[in-house]
Amino acid sequence: MKPISHPLWRLWQPRRGLFWLVLLTNALSALLVSFLQIAQPEGALRWAVSVLALTDTLLGWWLLRRLWLVSGTQAATLTTDRQGRRG
C-alpha cells in the first residue's frame, strides 16, 4: 500500500525544471487574475488579459500533467529495480 504522501512526492520535485515552470505558470495566472479584479480594465485589454490568464492556466495544467506522468514512470522504474534486486 502506498503512503498518503506519495502523490505529493510525485509533484514536489524542485530539482526538475518542469516543477519550476508549473509554479511559474500558476503564479503568473494568479497575477493576471488579480490584475483583472483590482484594475478592472475595460474593452480589448480585459479580453487580452483574460485570454492570457486562461492560456497560462491551461499551460500550467499541461505542465503539471507532464510532471505527474514523468514522475510516475520514474517511480515505476524504481519499484521494478528494487523488486529485481530482491529476487
N, C-alpha and C. Protein backbone atom coordinates (compact mmCIF):
# COMPACT_ATOMS: atom_id res chain seq x y z
N MET A 1 0.83 -1.18 0.00
CA MET A 1 0.00 0.00 0.00
C MET A 1 0.88 1.24 0.00
N LYS A 2 0.51 2.21 -0.82
CA LYS A 2 1.31 3.43 -0.94
C LYS A 2 0.99 4.40 0.19
N PRO A 3 1.99 5.10 0.68
CA PRO A 3 1.72 6.10 1.72
C PRO A 3 0.92 7.27 1.15
N ILE A 4 0.27 8.00 2.05
CA ILE A 4 -0.56 9.13 1.63
C ILE A 4 0.29 10.22 0.97
N SER A 5 1.52 10.36 1.38
CA SER A 5 2.38 11.42 0.85
C SER A 5 2.91 11.11 -0.55
N HIS A 6 2.63 9.92 -1.09
CA HIS A 6 3.16 9.54 -2.39
C HIS A 6 2.75 10.52 -3.50
N PRO A 7 1.46 10.93 -3.62
CA PRO A 7 1.12 11.89 -4.68
C PRO A 7 1.85 13.22 -4.52
N LEU A 8 2.04 13.65 -3.29
CA LEU A 8 2.75 14.90 -3.06
C LEU A 8 4.22 14.75 -3.45
N TRP A 9 4.80 13.62 -3.18
CA TRP A 9 6.19 13.35 -3.55
C TRP A 9 6.35 13.38 -5.07
N ARG A 10 5.34 12.89 -5.78
CA ARG A 10 5.42 12.86 -7.24
C ARG A 10 5.40 14.26 -7.83
N LEU A 11 4.81 15.21 -7.13
CA LEU A 11 4.73 16.58 -7.64
C LEU A 11 5.84 17.48 -7.10
N TRP A 12 6.30 17.23 -5.89
CA TRP A 12 7.32 18.08 -5.27
C TRP A 12 8.69 17.61 -5.72
N GLN A 13 9.20 18.23 -6.80
CA GLN A 13 10.50 17.86 -7.36
C GLN A 13 11.27 19.13 -7.73
N PRO A 14 11.79 19.83 -6.74
CA PRO A 14 12.45 21.11 -7.02
C PRO A 14 13.72 21.00 -7.87
N ARG A 15 14.23 19.82 -8.08
CA ARG A 15 15.42 19.67 -8.92
C ARG A 15 15.08 19.60 -10.41
N ARG A 16 13.81 19.52 -10.71
CA ARG A 16 13.37 19.47 -12.11
C ARG A 16 12.93 20.85 -12.58
N GLY A 17 13.31 21.19 -13.78
CA GLY A 17 12.89 22.47 -14.35
C GLY A 17 11.39 22.53 -14.57
N LEU A 18 10.80 21.39 -14.86
CA LEU A 18 9.36 21.31 -15.09
C LEU A 18 8.57 21.73 -13.84
N PHE A 19 9.07 21.37 -12.69
CA PHE A 19 8.43 21.76 -11.43
C PHE A 19 8.37 23.28 -11.31
N TRP A 20 9.47 23.95 -11.62
CA TRP A 20 9.52 25.40 -11.50
C TRP A 20 8.66 26.07 -12.57
N LEU A 21 8.56 25.47 -13.75
CA LEU A 21 7.67 26.02 -14.77
C LEU A 21 6.21 25.95 -14.33
N VAL A 22 5.84 24.86 -13.66
CA VAL A 22 4.47 24.73 -13.14
C VAL A 22 4.20 25.84 -12.12
N LEU A 23 5.14 26.05 -11.20
CA LEU A 23 4.97 27.11 -10.21
C LEU A 23 4.91 28.49 -10.87
N LEU A 24 5.76 28.71 -11.87
CA LEU A 24 5.78 30.00 -12.56
C LEU A 24 4.47 30.27 -13.29
N THR A 25 3.94 29.27 -13.99
CA THR A 25 2.68 29.48 -14.71
C THR A 25 1.53 29.71 -13.73
N ASN A 26 1.52 29.02 -12.61
CA ASN A 26 0.47 29.25 -11.62
C ASN A 26 0.57 30.65 -11.01
N ALA A 27 1.78 31.09 -10.74
CA ALA A 27 1.97 32.44 -10.18
C ALA A 27 1.56 33.51 -11.19
N LEU A 28 1.92 33.30 -12.44
CA LEU A 28 1.56 34.27 -13.47
C LEU A 28 0.04 34.33 -13.66
N SER A 29 -0.61 33.18 -13.63
CA SER A 29 -2.08 33.15 -13.73
C SER A 29 -2.71 33.92 -12.57
N ALA A 30 -2.18 33.71 -11.38
CA ALA A 30 -2.71 34.40 -10.20
C ALA A 30 -2.52 35.91 -10.33
N LEU A 31 -1.37 36.33 -10.83
CA LEU A 31 -1.12 37.77 -11.02
C LEU A 31 -2.06 38.36 -12.07
N LEU A 32 -2.27 37.65 -13.15
CA LEU A 32 -3.16 38.15 -14.20
C LEU A 32 -4.60 38.28 -13.70
N VAL A 33 -5.06 37.29 -12.96
CA VAL A 33 -6.42 37.34 -12.42
C VAL A 33 -6.53 38.44 -11.36
N SER A 34 -5.51 38.60 -10.55
CA SER A 34 -5.51 39.69 -9.57
C SER A 34 -5.58 41.05 -10.26
N PHE A 35 -4.82 41.20 -11.34
CA PHE A 35 -4.87 42.44 -12.11
C PHE A 35 -6.28 42.69 -12.64
N LEU A 36 -6.91 41.63 -13.15
CA LEU A 36 -8.28 41.78 -13.67
C LEU A 36 -9.24 42.22 -12.58
N GLN A 37 -9.09 41.68 -11.38
CA GLN A 37 -10.02 42.00 -10.30
C GLN A 37 -9.75 43.38 -9.70
N ILE A 38 -8.49 43.75 -9.60
CA ILE A 38 -8.15 45.02 -8.95
C ILE A 38 -8.32 46.20 -9.92
N ALA A 39 -7.72 46.10 -11.11
CA ALA A 39 -7.73 47.21 -12.05
C ALA A 39 -9.04 47.31 -12.83
N GLN A 40 -9.72 46.21 -13.00
CA GLN A 40 -10.96 46.14 -13.77
C GLN A 40 -10.86 46.88 -15.11
N PRO A 41 -9.92 46.42 -15.95
CA PRO A 41 -9.78 47.07 -17.26
C PRO A 41 -11.02 46.85 -18.12
N GLU A 42 -11.18 47.68 -19.12
CA GLU A 42 -12.34 47.56 -19.99
C GLU A 42 -11.91 47.29 -21.42
N GLY A 43 -12.84 46.74 -22.18
CA GLY A 43 -12.65 46.56 -23.61
C GLY A 43 -11.63 45.50 -23.97
N ALA A 44 -10.80 45.87 -24.94
CA ALA A 44 -9.84 44.92 -25.52
C ALA A 44 -8.80 44.46 -24.50
N LEU A 45 -8.40 45.35 -23.60
CA LEU A 45 -7.41 44.97 -22.59
C LEU A 45 -7.96 43.88 -21.68
N ARG A 46 -9.22 43.99 -21.31
CA ARG A 46 -9.85 42.96 -20.46
C ARG A 46 -9.85 41.61 -21.17
N TRP A 47 -10.22 41.61 -22.44
CA TRP A 47 -10.23 40.36 -23.21
C TRP A 47 -8.83 39.78 -23.37
N ALA A 48 -7.86 40.66 -23.66
CA ALA A 48 -6.50 40.18 -23.86
C ALA A 48 -5.93 39.56 -22.59
N VAL A 49 -6.11 40.22 -21.46
CA VAL A 49 -5.59 39.69 -20.20
C VAL A 49 -6.34 38.41 -19.82
N SER A 50 -7.63 38.36 -20.08
CA SER A 50 -8.41 37.15 -19.78
C SER A 50 -7.93 35.96 -20.60
N VAL A 51 -7.70 36.20 -21.88
CA VAL A 51 -7.21 35.11 -22.74
C VAL A 51 -5.82 34.67 -22.30
N LEU A 52 -4.96 35.63 -21.94
CA LEU A 52 -3.63 35.27 -21.44
C LEU A 52 -3.72 34.45 -20.16
N ALA A 53 -4.61 34.84 -19.25
CA ALA A 53 -4.75 34.11 -17.99
C ALA A 53 -5.26 32.69 -18.24
N LEU A 54 -6.25 32.55 -19.11
CA LEU A 54 -6.77 31.21 -19.42
C LEU A 54 -5.73 30.34 -20.12
N THR A 55 -5.01 30.93 -21.07
CA THR A 55 -3.96 30.18 -21.77
C THR A 55 -2.86 29.76 -20.81
N ASP A 56 -2.49 30.65 -19.92
CA ASP A 56 -1.46 30.34 -18.94
C ASP A 56 -1.91 29.24 -17.99
N THR A 57 -3.17 29.27 -17.60
CA THR A 57 -3.72 28.22 -16.72
C THR A 57 -3.69 26.87 -17.42
N LEU A 58 -4.10 26.84 -18.69
CA LEU A 58 -4.07 25.59 -19.44
C LEU A 58 -2.65 25.08 -19.61
N LEU A 59 -1.71 25.98 -19.85
CA LEU A 59 -0.31 25.58 -19.96
C LEU A 59 0.18 24.99 -18.64
N GLY A 60 -0.21 25.61 -17.53
CA GLY A 60 0.18 25.09 -16.21
C GLY A 60 -0.38 23.71 -15.95
N TRP A 61 -1.64 23.48 -16.34
CA TRP A 61 -2.23 22.14 -16.18
C TRP A 61 -1.50 21.12 -17.04
N TRP A 62 -1.17 21.50 -18.25
CA TRP A 62 -0.47 20.59 -19.15
C TRP A 62 0.92 20.24 -18.59
N LEU A 63 1.64 21.26 -18.09
CA LEU A 63 2.95 21.01 -17.49
C LEU A 63 2.84 20.13 -16.25
N LEU A 64 1.80 20.37 -15.44
CA LEU A 64 1.59 19.56 -14.24
C LEU A 64 1.32 18.10 -14.63
N ARG A 65 0.54 17.90 -15.67
CA ARG A 65 0.27 16.53 -16.15
C ARG A 65 1.56 15.85 -16.61
N ARG A 66 2.39 16.59 -17.34
CA ARG A 66 3.67 16.03 -17.77
C ARG A 66 4.55 15.66 -16.58
N LEU A 67 4.60 16.54 -15.58
CA LEU A 67 5.38 16.26 -14.37
C LEU A 67 4.84 15.02 -13.67
N TRP A 68 3.53 14.89 -13.59
CA TRP A 68 2.90 13.73 -12.95
C TRP A 68 3.24 12.45 -13.70
N LEU A 69 3.16 12.48 -15.03
CA LEU A 69 3.44 11.28 -15.82
C LEU A 69 4.92 10.90 -15.76
N VAL A 70 5.80 11.88 -15.84
CA VAL A 70 7.24 11.60 -15.78
C VAL A 70 7.61 11.02 -14.43
N SER A 71 7.08 11.59 -13.36
CA SER A 71 7.41 11.08 -12.03
C SER A 71 6.82 9.69 -11.81
N GLY A 72 5.67 9.40 -12.42
CA GLY A 72 5.08 8.07 -12.32
C GLY A 72 5.93 7.03 -13.03
N THR A 73 6.47 7.39 -14.17
CA THR A 73 7.35 6.49 -14.91
C THR A 73 8.62 6.21 -14.10
N GLN A 74 9.16 7.26 -13.47
CA GLN A 74 10.36 7.07 -12.65
C GLN A 74 10.06 6.21 -11.44
N ALA A 75 8.90 6.41 -10.81
CA ALA A 75 8.53 5.61 -9.64
C ALA A 75 8.37 4.15 -10.03
N ALA A 76 7.78 3.88 -11.18
CA ALA A 76 7.60 2.50 -11.64
C ALA A 76 8.95 1.86 -11.92
N THR A 77 9.87 2.62 -12.50
CA THR A 77 11.21 2.10 -12.77
C THR A 77 11.94 1.78 -11.47
N LEU A 78 11.84 2.67 -10.49
CA LEU A 78 12.49 2.42 -9.20
C LEU A 78 11.91 1.20 -8.51
N THR A 79 10.59 1.04 -8.57
CA THR A 79 9.94 -0.12 -7.95
C THR A 79 10.39 -1.40 -8.63
N THR A 80 10.47 -1.41 -9.95
CA THR A 80 10.91 -2.58 -10.70
C THR A 80 12.37 -2.92 -10.35
N ASP A 81 13.21 -1.89 -10.25
CA ASP A 81 14.62 -2.12 -9.90
C ASP A 81 14.75 -2.71 -8.50
N ARG A 82 13.97 -2.20 -7.57
CA ARG A 82 14.03 -2.71 -6.19
C ARG A 82 13.55 -4.15 -6.12
N GLN A 83 12.50 -4.46 -6.86
CA GLN A 83 11.99 -5.84 -6.84
C GLN A 83 12.98 -6.79 -7.51
N GLY A 84 13.68 -6.28 -8.54
CA GLY A 84 14.68 -7.11 -9.22
C GLY A 84 15.86 -7.42 -8.34
N ARG A 85 16.23 -6.51 -7.46
CA ARG A 85 17.36 -6.73 -6.56
C ARG A 85 17.02 -7.73 -5.47
N ARG A 86 15.75 -7.78 -5.07
CA ARG A 86 15.34 -8.71 -4.02
C ARG A 86 15.34 -10.15 -4.53
N GLY A 87 14.91 -10.30 -5.77
CA GLY A 87 14.69 -11.65 -6.29
C GLY A 87 15.85 -12.26 -6.92
